[in-house]
Amino acid sequence: MLSSVLRSTRAVEVHITIVRTCVRLRRLWATHEDLARKVAQHDRHIAVLFDQVKHLLEPPPAPKKPPIGFIHPKG
């Protein structure tokens, strides 16, 4: 992307370096299943934490108050 904008040899070199780094990262994720599994487990834990925080941020239900004044018994 950078090389298509700047059109210089340095921009081309930087772009190639970025693409190679991305390819290495993809290979790293593919070969290190244990690391990917740990990341997925952390993602689940974080999702649970967010659910708990959302639950804590909800306002409590309003308490049911008895009516004020005289209530005539029916009958």
Protein backbone atom coordinates (compact mmCIF):
# COMPACT_ATOMS: atom_id res chain seq x y z
CA MET A 1 0.00 0.00 0.00
CA LEU A 2 2.75 2.39 0.94
CA SER A 3 4.67 1.70 -2.25
CA SER A 4 1.63 2.43 -4.40
CA VAL A 5 1.30 5.88 -2.81
CA LEU A 6 4.90 7.03 -2.54
CA ARG A 7 6.49 5.27 -5.55
CA SER A 8 9.99 5.22 -4.08
CA THR A 9 12.43 2.36 -3.61
CA ARG A 10 12.36 2.85 0.16
CA ALA A 11 8.55 2.66 0.18
CA VAL A 12 8.71 -0.58 -1.79
CA GLU A 13 11.22 -2.03 0.68
CA VAL A 14 9.06 -1.06 3.64
CA HIS A 15 5.98 -2.54 2.00
CA ILE A 16 7.77 -5.83 1.34
CA THR A 17 8.99 -5.93 4.94
CA ILE A 18 5.46 -5.37 6.22
CA VAL A 19 4.05 -8.14 4.02
CA ARG A 20 6.79 -10.56 5.10
CA THR A 21 6.10 -9.76 8.74
CA CYS A 22 2.40 -10.47 8.26
CA VAL A 23 3.20 -13.78 6.59
CA ARG A 24 5.51 -14.72 9.47
CA LEU A 25 2.81 -13.88 11.99
CA ARG A 26 0.30 -16.01 10.10
CA ARG A 27 2.74 -18.93 10.08
CA LEU A 28 3.41 -18.42 13.78
CA TRP A 29 -0.31 -18.61 14.57
CA ALA A 30 -0.71 -21.68 12.36
CA THR A 31 2.21 -23.58 13.92
CA HIS A 32 1.62 -22.62 17.53
CA GLU A 33 -1.78 -24.13 18.20
CA ASP A 34 -1.19 -23.96 21.94
CA LEU A 35 -0.75 -20.20 21.75
CA ALA A 36 -3.88 -19.84 19.63
CA ARG A 37 -5.82 -21.99 22.10
CA LYS A 38 -4.65 -19.82 25.02
CA VAL A 39 -5.69 -16.66 23.19
CA ALA A 40 -9.13 -18.15 22.50
CA GLN A 41 -9.46 -19.13 26.15
CA HIS A 42 -8.54 -15.59 27.23
CA ASP A 43 -11.11 -14.22 24.80
CA ARG A 44 -13.80 -16.34 26.46
CA HIS A 45 -12.71 -15.17 29.92
CA ILE A 46 -12.80 -11.55 28.81
CA ALA A 47 -16.30 -12.04 27.37
CA VAL A 48 -17.47 -13.44 30.72
CA LEU A 49 -15.95 -10.46 32.52
CA PHE A 50 -17.72 -8.02 30.21
CA ASP A 51 -21.04 -9.80 30.81
CA GLN A 52 -20.53 -9.54 34.57
CA VAL A 53 -19.65 -5.85 34.36
CA LYS A 54 -22.74 -5.17 32.24
CA HIS A 55 -24.85 -6.98 34.83
CA LEU A 56 -23.32 -4.89 37.63
CA LEU A 57 -23.95 -1.66 35.74
CA GLU A 58 -27.68 -2.33 35.35
CA PRO A 59 -29.76 -0.37 37.86
CA PRO A 60 -31.44 -2.48 40.53
CA PRO A 61 -35.19 -2.98 40.22
CA ALA A 62 -37.29 -0.38 42.04
CA PRO A 63 -38.57 -1.69 45.36
CA LYS A 64 -42.32 -2.26 45.53
CA LYS A 65 -43.77 0.26 47.96
CA PRO A 66 -47.13 -0.10 49.67
CA PRO A 67 -49.71 2.54 48.73
CA ILE A 68 -49.99 5.57 51.00
CA GLY A 69 -53.28 6.34 52.76
CA PHE A 70 -56.37 4.44 53.81
CA ILE A 71 -57.38 1.48 51.70
CA HIS A 72 -61.01 0.46 52.11
CA PRO A 73 -61.39 -3.28 52.52
CA LYS A 74 -63.54 -4.81 49.83
CA GLY A 75 -66.42 -6.85 51.01
